Amino acid sequence: MRTPMKLSMRRGLLLAVFLMMAAAAFCDKAGKASQYFTRGNVKAVQHNFKGAIQDFTKAIELKPDYAAAYVHRGLARQSNGDMNGPLEDMDKAIQIDPDFAEGYVGRGYLKAVENDSRGALEEFTKAIQVDARFAMAYIGRGHIRLEEGDFDGAIEDNDRAAVLQPNLAVQFGTDFALA
């Protein structure tokens, strides 16, 4: 059952995922694709998901191997009510780059929203295996552990995220305390 707090935590996780991965745009050599990616992130934060989807799609057209654009488009599609496209986008991102932790975090988020806690936990754990320094993976897994009653695991993941990225973990620390 989705409680308002669980939905709030998941929405916060989605926003953080958008913002965290936006930084990848500045490392992209395909300037135009990067511009559309950045525009898509701005629109997503403004809850203009249709516009975000259009910009992420344009970025993908310009740079078909742009794994981050697939992840962000998938998250925007999910936020816009698309039930099938988001997972396809996450799968494509991982197909492009199997070591792209953000793709597994995106899939974990999608599974969490669908109340597939076990699947979400597996995806967040896979992201940690791929990149043990990616704080969002620990935060996502910590949220699932908290919801499942694994309080020690949730604290452990939150503590690890706090070491890796203190400002992000502090933001979610309040959600942990209120759950």
Foldseek 3Di string as FASTA:
>chain_A
DDDPLLVVLLVVLLLVLLVVCLVVLVVDPLVQLSVLQNVLSVCVNVVVLVSSLVSLVVSCVSPVLPLSSLLSNLSSCVSVPDDPSNLVSLVSSCVSPVLPLSSLCSVLSSCVVVVVLVSSLVSLVSSCVSPVLDLSSLQSNLSSCVVVVVPVSNVVSLVSSCVSPVVVSVVCVVSSVVD
